[in-house]
């Protein structure tokens, strides 16, 4: 396909912006893949495995993707944002002593050791617990870094191909 000088100048003017968009999208895809790996890991071990799929009041396992942003110097930044027990699992910590109440008009089911179960209509005092540090998000991102780098190497060529088709 042939271009006039004006068309070529217009396309070349768009090129840096297209490359920047492609970089941000490559990083976003990598972070989303890392989130999937991190959530799978979180849900299969420790506190995450104990809470996943249950309606635990106040116990949140939130792992969000921070949308990547392009800095003025051309660097792209982004990552995973952890909240609630997800953050505590990544860094380690402890929960405070608290009261666990049965749902209104309901019964609280307590799983005791040895497969025993107890039922109560009264509130129970939980003494709090120590949650050991078990990183899952950082290893997931590190696992994806090589793939993100490979995606970034192809972004310039992809942007040029997209622009000049």
C-alpha atoms as a PDB file:
ATOM      1  CA  UNK A   1       0.000   0.000   0.000  1.00  0.00           C
ATOM      2  CA  UNK A   2       1.366   3.432  -0.837  1.00  0.00           C
ATOM      3  CA  UNK A   3       0.952   6.531   1.303  1.00  0.00           C
ATOM      4  CA  UNK A   4       1.214  10.197   0.522  1.00  0.00           C
ATOM      5  CA  UNK A   5       3.763  12.163   2.579  1.00  0.00           C
ATOM      6  CA  UNK A   6       0.912  13.718   4.597  1.00  0.00           C
ATOM      7  CA  UNK A   7      -0.611  10.305   5.350  1.00  0.00           C
ATOM      8  CA  UNK A   8       2.802   8.922   6.321  1.00  0.00           C
ATOM      9  CA  UNK A   9       3.453  11.911   8.630  1.00  0.00           C
ATOM     10  CA  UNK A  10       0.040  11.417  10.291  1.00  0.00           C
ATOM     11  CA  UNK A  11       0.693   7.689  10.805  1.00  0.00           C
ATOM     12  CA  UNK A  12       4.175   8.291  12.220  1.00  0.00           C
ATOM     13  CA  UNK A  13       2.729  10.875  14.586  1.00  0.00           C
ATOM     14  CA  UNK A  14       0.330   8.229  15.971  1.00  0.00           C
ATOM     15  CA  UNK A  15       3.035   5.574  16.340  1.00  0.00           C
ATOM     16  CA  UNK A  16       4.437   6.512  19.804  1.00  0.00           C
ATOM     17  CA  UNK A  17       0.914   6.640  21.266  1.00  0.00           C
ATOM     18  CA  UNK A  18       0.087   3.237  19.740  1.00  0.00           C
ATOM     19  CA  UNK A  19       3.295   1.739  21.154  1.00  0.00           C
ATOM     20  CA  UNK A  20       2.495   3.159  24.609  1.00  0.00           C
ATOM     21  CA  UNK A  21      -1.029   1.690  24.487  1.00  0.00           C
ATOM     22  CA  UNK A  22       0.383  -1.675  23.441  1.00  0.00           C
ATOM     23  CA  UNK A  23       2.886  -1.588  26.350  1.00  0.00           C
ATOM     24  CA  UNK A  24       0.158  -0.830  28.887  1.00  0.00           C
ATOM     25  CA  UNK A  25      -2.041  -3.596  27.462  1.00  0.00           C
ATOM     26  CA  UNK A  26       0.827  -6.114  27.596  1.00  0.00           C
ATOM     27  CA  UNK A  27       1.444  -5.313  31.257  1.00  0.00           C
ATOM     28  CA  UNK A  28      -2.308  -5.439  32.011  1.00  0.00           C
ATOM     29  CA  UNK A  29      -2.585  -8.902  30.431  1.00  0.00           C
ATOM     30  CA  UNK A  30       0.382 -10.121  32.483  1.00  0.00           C
ATOM     31  CA  UNK A  31      -1.048  -8.764  35.731  1.00  0.00           C
ATOM     32  CA  UNK A  32      -4.412 -10.395  35.017  1.00  0.00           C
ATOM     33  CA  UNK A  33      -2.681 -13.727  34.411  1.00  0.00           C
ATOM     34  CA  UNK A  34      -0.765 -13.243  37.684  1.00  0.00           C
ATOM     35  CA  UNK A  35      -4.043 -12.490  39.513  1.00  0.00           C
ATOM     36  CA  UNK A  36      -5.527 -15.758  38.251  1.00  0.00           C
ATOM     37  CA  UNK A  37      -2.494 -17.712  39.488  1.00  0.00           C
ATOM     38  CA  UNK A  38      -2.488 -15.812  42.822  1.00  0.00           C
ATOM     39  CA  UNK A  39      -6.205 -16.432  43.456  1.00  0.00           C
ATOM     40  CA  UNK A  40      -5.836 -20.130  42.659  1.00  0.00           C
ATOM     41  CA  UNK A  41      -2.943 -20.350  45.138  1.00  0.00           C
ATOM     42  CA  UNK A  42      -4.777 -18.319  47.808  1.00  0.00           C
ATOM     43  CA  UNK A  43      -7.924 -20.433  47.506  1.00  0.00           C
ATOM     44  CA  UNK A  44      -6.045 -23.705  47.818  1.00  0.00           C
ATOM     45  CA  UNK A  45      -4.016 -23.071  51.017  1.00  0.00           C
ATOM     46  CA  UNK A  46      -4.436 -21.838  54.580  1.00  0.00           C
ATOM     47  CA  UNK A  47      -7.026 -19.199  55.437  1.00  0.00           C
ATOM     48  CA  UNK A  48      -8.062 -18.817  51.799  1.00  0.00           C
ATOM     49  CA  UNK A  49      -8.936 -22.511  51.542  1.00  0.00           C
ATOM     50  CA  UNK A  50     -10.846 -22.335  54.829  1.00  0.00           C
ATOM     51  CA  UNK A  51     -12.926 -19.340  53.707  1.00  0.00           C
ATOM     52  CA  UNK A  52     -13.305 -19.814  49.951  1.00  0.00           C
ATOM     53  CA  UNK A  53     -16.903 -20.389  48.941  1.00  0.00           C
ATOM     54  CA  UNK A  54     -18.234 -19.596  52.404  1.00  0.00           C
ATOM     55  CA  UNK A  55     -20.152 -16.519  53.456  1.00  0.00           C
ATOM     56  CA  UNK A  56     -17.770 -15.416  56.185  1.00  0.00           C
ATOM     57  CA  UNK A  57     -18.968 -12.044  57.435  1.00  0.00           C
ATOM     58  CA  UNK A  58     -16.191  -9.471  57.248  1.00  0.00           C
ATOM     59  CA  UNK A  59     -13.618 -11.982  56.007  1.00  0.00           C
ATOM     60  CA  UNK A  60     -12.693 -10.687  52.569  1.00  0.00           C
ATOM     61  CA  UNK A  61     -10.243 -12.254  50.167  1.00  0.00           C
ATOM     62  CA  UNK A  62      -9.828  -9.375  47.703  1.00  0.00           C
ATOM     63  CA  UNK A  63      -7.144  -9.402  45.006  1.00  0.00           C
ATOM     64  CA  UNK A  64      -7.664  -6.548  42.511  1.00  0.00           C
ATOM     65  CA  UNK A  65      -5.710  -5.593  39.409  1.00  0.00           C
ATOM     66  CA  UNK A  66      -4.338  -2.042  39.609  1.00  0.00           C
ATOM     67  CA  UNK A  67      -4.632  -0.737  36.080  1.00  0.00           C
ATOM     68  CA  UNK A  68      -1.178  -0.162  34.603  1.00  0.00           C
ATOM     69  CA  UNK A  69      -0.230   3.457  33.932  1.00  0.00           C
ATOM     70  CA  UNK A  70       2.377   4.963  31.619  1.00  0.00           C
ATOM     71  CA  UNK A  71       4.809   7.357  33.327  1.00  0.00           C
ATOM     72  CA  UNK A  72       6.329  10.351  31.534  1.00  0.00           C
ATOM     73  CA  UNK A  73       9.666   8.538  31.193  1.00  0.00           C
ATOM     74  CA  UNK A  74       8.023   5.607  29.372  1.00  0.00           C
ATOM     75  CA  UNK A  75       7.848   3.173  32.283  1.00  0.00           C
ATOM     76  CA  UNK A  76       4.666   1.218  32.852  1.00  0.00           C
ATOM     77  CA  UNK A  77       3.616   0.541  36.449  1.00  0.00           C
ATOM     78  CA  UNK A  78       0.864  -1.693  37.744  1.00  0.00           C
ATOM     79  CA  UNK A  79       0.297  -4.557  40.119  1.00  0.00           C
ATOM     80  CA  UNK A  80      -2.071  -6.364  42.413  1.00  0.00           C
ATOM     81  CA  UNK A  81      -3.921  -4.695  45.273  1.00  0.00           C
ATOM     82  CA  UNK A  82      -4.618  -6.944  48.249  1.00  0.00           C
ATOM     83  CA  UNK A  83      -7.288  -6.263  50.863  1.00  0.00           C
ATOM     84  CA  UNK A  84      -8.617  -8.035  53.929  1.00  0.00           C
ATOM     85  CA  UNK A  85      -7.357 -11.504  54.710  1.00  0.00           C
ATOM     86  CA  UNK A  86      -5.638 -11.687  51.328  1.00  0.00           C
ATOM     87  CA  UNK A  87      -3.278  -8.907  52.427  1.00  0.00           C
ATOM     88  CA  UNK A  88      -2.820 -10.508  55.832  1.00  0.00           C
ATOM     89  CA  UNK A  89      -1.983 -13.855  54.227  1.00  0.00           C
ATOM     90  CA  UNK A  90       0.614 -12.220  51.950  1.00  0.00           C
ATOM     91  CA  UNK A  91       2.320 -10.299  54.776  1.00  0.00           C
ATOM     92  CA  UNK A  92       1.378 -12.331  57.840  1.00  0.00           C
ATOM     93  CA  UNK A  93      -0.337 -10.907  60.916  1.00  0.00           C
ATOM     94  CA  UNK A  94      -2.983 -11.643  63.481  1.00  0.00           C
ATOM     95  CA  UNK A  95      -6.686 -11.123  64.037  1.00  0.00           C
ATOM     96  CA  UNK A  96      -7.995  -9.438  67.168  1.00  0.00           C
ATOM     97  CA  UNK A  97     -10.178 -11.199  69.687  1.00  0.00           C
ATOM     98  CA  UNK A  98     -13.783 -10.866  68.528  1.00  0.00           C
ATOM     99  CA  UNK A  99     -17.313 -12.117  69.061  1.00  0.00           C
ATOM    100  CA  UNK A 100     -18.909 -14.485  66.566  1.00  0.00           C
ATOM    101  CA  UNK A 101     -22.694 -14.271  66.648  1.00  0.00           C
ATOM    102  CA  UNK A 102     -25.118 -16.716  65.087  1.00  0.00           C
ATOM    103  CA  UNK A 103     -27.262 -15.335  62.261  1.00  0.00           C
ATOM    104  CA  UNK A 104     -30.526 -13.811  63.546  1.00  0.00           C
ATOM    105  CA  UNK A 105     -32.768 -16.631  64.710  1.00  0.00           C
ATOM    106  CA  UNK A 106     -30.164 -19.156  63.604  1.00  0.00           C
ATOM    107  CA  UNK A 107     -27.643 -21.524  65.043  1.00  0.00           C
ATOM    108  CA  UNK A 108     -23.862 -21.213  65.077  1.00  0.00           C
ATOM    109  CA  UNK A 109     -22.093 -24.397  63.983  1.00  0.00           C
ATOM    110  CA  UNK A 110     -18.704 -24.988  65.613  1.00  0.00           C
ATOM    111  CA  UNK A 111     -16.323 -27.520  64.122  1.00  0.00           C
ATOM    112  CA  UNK A 112     -14.293 -29.028  66.938  1.00  0.00           C
ATOM    113  CA  UNK A 113     -11.241 -31.242  66.667  1.00  0.00           C
ATOM    114  CA  UNK A 114     -11.567 -34.922  65.849  1.00  0.00           C
ATOM    115  CA  UNK A 115     -14.531 -34.452  63.519  1.00  0.00           C
ATOM    116  CA  UNK A 116     -16.842 -33.341  66.327  1.00  0.00           C
ATOM    117  CA  UNK A 117     -19.462 -30.640  65.762  1.00  0.00           C
ATOM    118  CA  UNK A 118     -21.247 -28.425  68.307  1.00  0.00           C
ATOM    119  CA  UNK A 119     -24.272 -26.161  67.862  1.00  0.00           C
ATOM    120  CA  UNK A 120     -25.147 -23.046  69.855  1.00  0.00           C
ATOM    121  CA  UNK A 121     -27.558 -20.142  69.733  1.00  0.00           C
ATOM    122  CA  UNK A 122     -25.245 -18.009  71.882  1.00  0.00           C
ATOM    123  CA  UNK A 123     -22.431 -15.719  70.769  1.00  0.00           C
ATOM    124  CA  UNK A 124     -18.923 -17.142  71.062  1.00  0.00           C
ATOM    125  CA  UNK A 125     -15.724 -15.224  71.930  1.00  0.00           C
ATOM    126  CA  UNK A 126     -12.929 -15.975  69.478  1.00  0.00           C
ATOM    127  CA  UNK A 127      -9.487 -15.336  71.025  1.00  0.00           C
ATOM    128  CA  UNK A 128      -7.970 -14.144  67.751  1.00  0.00           C
ATOM    129  CA  UNK A 129      -5.431 -16.015  65.723  1.00  0.00           C
ATOM    130  CA  UNK A 130      -1.989 -15.665  64.210  1.00  0.00           C
ATOM    131  CA  UNK A 131      -1.879 -15.921  60.437  1.00  0.00           C
ATOM    132  CA  UNK A 132       1.553 -16.956  59.182  1.00  0.00           C
ATOM    133  CA  UNK A 133       3.144 -15.096  56.270  1.00  0.00           C
ATOM    134  CA  UNK A 134       2.492 -17.038  53.083  1.00  0.00           C
ATOM    135  CA  UNK A 135       3.176 -14.930  49.975  1.00  0.00           C
ATOM    136  CA  UNK A 136       1.075 -15.787  46.949  1.00  0.00           C
ATOM    137  CA  UNK A 137       0.790 -12.528  44.946  1.00  0.00           C
ATOM    138  CA  UNK A 138       4.475 -11.641  44.644  1.00  0.00           C
ATOM    139  CA  UNK A 139       5.481 -15.134  43.422  1.00  0.00           C
ATOM    140  CA  UNK A 140       2.601 -15.053  40.914  1.00  0.00           C
ATOM    141  CA  UNK A 141       3.819 -11.740  39.465  1.00  0.00           C
ATOM    142  CA  UNK A 142       7.428 -12.946  39.417  1.00  0.00           C
ATOM    143  CA  UNK A 143       6.250 -16.060  37.582  1.00  0.00           C
ATOM    144  CA  UNK A 144       4.647 -13.873  34.891  1.00  0.00           C
ATOM    145  CA  UNK A 145       7.578 -11.433  34.462  1.00  0.00           C
ATOM    146  CA  UNK A 146       9.311 -13.353  31.670  1.00  0.00           C
ATOM    147  CA  UNK A 147       6.074 -13.582  29.715  1.00  0.00           C
ATOM    148  CA  UNK A 148       5.366  -9.864  30.252  1.00  0.00           C
ATOM    149  CA  UNK A 149       8.879  -9.027  29.030  1.00  0.00           C
ATOM    150  CA  UNK A 150       8.344 -11.172  25.925  1.00  0.00           C
ATOM    151  CA  UNK A 151       5.002  -9.440  25.281  1.00  0.00           C
ATOM    152  CA  UNK A 152       6.677  -6.033  25.644  1.00  0.00           C
ATOM    153  CA  UNK A 153       9.365  -6.974  23.109  1.00  0.00           C
ATOM    154  CA  UNK A 154       6.664  -7.661  20.524  1.00  0.00           C
ATOM    155  CA  UNK A 155       4.557  -4.556  21.229  1.00  0.00           C
ATOM    156  CA  UNK A 156       6.472  -2.140  18.992  1.00  0.00           C
ATOM    157  CA  UNK A 157       6.298  -4.457  15.998  1.00  0.00           C
ATOM    158  CA  UNK A 158       2.615  -5.196  16.645  1.00  0.00           C
ATOM    159  CA  UNK A 159       1.827  -1.470  16.880  1.00  0.00           C
ATOM    160  CA  UNK A 160       3.627  -0.795  13.590  1.00  0.00           C
ATOM    161  CA  UNK A 161       1.821  -3.682  11.863  1.00  0.00           C
ATOM    162  CA  UNK A 162      -1.537  -2.473  13.223  1.00  0.00           C
ATOM    163  CA  UNK A 163      -0.918   1.087  12.087  1.00  0.00           C
ATOM    164  CA  UNK A 164       0.331   0.273   8.590  1.00  0.00           C
ATOM    165  CA  UNK A 165      -2.068  -2.462   7.502  1.00  0.00           C
END
